[in-house]
Amino acid sequence: MKKQAILFWIVIALAVFNILDGLFGKRSLNLGSVLVPLVLVAIVFLLYKYPPRKYKKTAPKIKPSARTMAKVAAERRPATGGKRKTYPFQVIEGQKGKNDDDLPKYH
């Protein structure tokens, strides 16, 4: 979870606790004790929803060159069924021979 989300929900919980404490606590509820948490919640919500520009991640707008676009286009083309490479390797049978008892049962 992001740090901003955690901070946002902590502030919301504290504001709700303050309002409930004012409603059901021994002290009386006045406009100042409700207005301050509501304004604080509104400010935090607006900053969470619409963060300042310096915290937004933006990618730089760079126009790729024609060479770069040609390379990207060449990589995207599907490989045609060209000739298969031949490798100078071959499998050499060992001297032990094959034993069916040594093979795993689950294959």
Protein backbone atom coordinates (compact mmCIF):
# COMPACT_ATOMS: atom_id res chain seq x y z
CA MET A 1 0.00 0.00 0.00
CA LYS A 2 1.28 3.44 -0.79
CA LYS A 3 2.46 5.77 1.96
CA GLN A 4 -0.09 8.41 0.93
CA ALA A 5 -2.93 5.92 1.25
CA ILE A 6 -1.85 4.89 4.74
CA LEU A 7 -1.54 8.51 5.85
CA PHE A 8 -4.91 9.33 4.28
CA TRP A 9 -6.74 6.57 6.16
CA ILE A 10 -5.03 7.46 9.45
CA VAL A 11 -6.21 11.06 9.15
CA ILE A 12 -9.73 9.90 8.24
CA ALA A 13 -9.82 7.57 11.26
CA LEU A 14 -8.66 10.33 13.61
CA ALA A 15 -11.25 12.75 12.23
CA VAL A 16 -14.05 10.20 12.62
CA PHE A 17 -12.88 9.43 16.15
CA ASN A 18 -12.92 13.14 17.03
CA ILE A 19 -16.45 13.59 15.65
CA LEU A 20 -17.76 10.51 17.46
CA ASP A 21 -16.06 11.58 20.66
CA GLY A 22 -17.68 14.99 20.37
CA LEU A 23 -21.12 13.50 19.75
CA PHE A 24 -21.08 10.83 22.45
CA GLY A 25 -18.47 12.17 24.87
CA LYS A 26 -19.10 14.12 28.05
CA ARG A 27 -18.22 17.44 26.49
CA SER A 28 -20.62 19.21 24.21
CA LEU A 29 -20.16 19.38 20.44
CA ASN A 30 -19.52 22.83 19.04
CA LEU A 31 -18.90 24.06 15.51
CA GLY A 32 -15.12 24.43 15.95
CA SER A 33 -14.59 20.84 17.05
CA VAL A 34 -16.38 19.52 13.95
CA LEU A 35 -15.23 22.08 11.42
CA VAL A 36 -11.47 21.61 11.90
CA PRO A 37 -11.45 17.82 11.26
CA LEU A 38 -13.80 18.17 8.29
CA VAL A 39 -11.60 20.84 6.70
CA LEU A 40 -8.52 18.71 7.39
CA VAL A 41 -10.16 15.67 5.80
CA ALA A 42 -11.22 17.75 2.79
CA ILE A 43 -7.67 19.09 2.29
CA VAL A 44 -6.08 15.66 2.60
CA PHE A 45 -8.65 14.17 0.23
CA LEU A 46 -8.05 16.86 -2.39
CA LEU A 47 -4.27 16.44 -2.12
CA TYR A 48 -4.68 12.68 -2.42
CA LYS A 49 -6.99 12.92 -5.41
CA TYR A 50 -5.16 15.77 -7.19
CA PRO A 51 -1.48 15.70 -6.13
CA PRO A 52 0.79 18.67 -6.87
CA ARG A 53 2.66 18.64 -10.18
CA LYS A 54 6.06 18.01 -8.67
CA TYR A 55 4.87 14.63 -7.32
CA LYS A 56 3.31 13.44 -10.57
CA LYS A 57 5.43 11.09 -12.65
CA THR A 58 5.60 12.18 -16.24
CA ALA A 59 7.65 10.62 -18.98
CA PRO A 60 9.74 13.02 -21.01
CA LYS A 61 8.39 13.64 -24.48
CA ILE A 62 11.17 12.54 -26.80
CA LYS A 63 10.54 11.90 -30.46
CA PRO A 64 12.39 8.73 -31.55
CA SER A 65 14.63 8.96 -34.58
CA ALA A 66 13.90 7.23 -37.87
CA ARG A 67 16.68 4.71 -37.19
CA THR A 68 15.16 3.80 -33.83
CA MET A 69 11.70 3.38 -35.35
CA ALA A 70 13.17 1.15 -38.08
CA LYS A 71 14.80 -1.06 -35.43
CA VAL A 72 11.55 -1.32 -33.46
CA ALA A 73 9.62 -2.20 -36.61
CA ALA A 74 12.19 -4.86 -37.51
CA GLU A 75 11.90 -6.44 -34.06
CA ARG A 76 8.12 -6.55 -34.27
CA ARG A 77 8.05 -8.41 -37.58
CA PRO A 78 7.30 -12.09 -37.10
CA ALA A 79 10.18 -14.39 -37.86
CA THR A 80 9.66 -16.23 -41.13
CA GLY A 81 10.31 -19.93 -41.45
CA GLY A 82 13.88 -19.46 -42.60
CA LYS A 83 16.60 -22.05 -42.65
CA ARG A 84 17.34 -23.82 -39.44
CA LYS A 85 20.83 -23.47 -38.07
CA THR A 86 22.96 -26.56 -38.01
CA TYR A 87 25.19 -26.97 -35.00
CA PRO A 88 28.37 -29.05 -35.01
CA PHE A 89 27.23 -31.01 -31.95
CA GLN A 90 26.09 -34.60 -31.80
CA VAL A 91 24.93 -36.96 -29.08
CA ILE A 92 27.41 -39.66 -28.19
CA GLU A 93 25.96 -42.80 -26.63
CA GLY A 94 27.60 -43.76 -23.38
CA GLN A 95 29.18 -47.13 -22.63
CA LYS A 96 26.68 -48.08 -19.94
CA GLY A 97 23.88 -48.68 -22.39
CA LYS A 98 20.26 -48.05 -21.64
CA ASN A 99 18.56 -49.82 -18.75
CA ASP A 100 14.77 -49.58 -18.41
CA ASP A 101 15.04 -50.03 -14.63
CA ASP A 102 16.98 -46.77 -14.26
CA LEU A 103 14.31 -44.68 -15.98
CA PRO A 104 11.96 -42.80 -13.67
CA LYS A 105 8.49 -44.35 -13.38
CA TYR A 106 6.67 -41.00 -13.56
CA HIS A 107 7.86 -40.01 -17.07
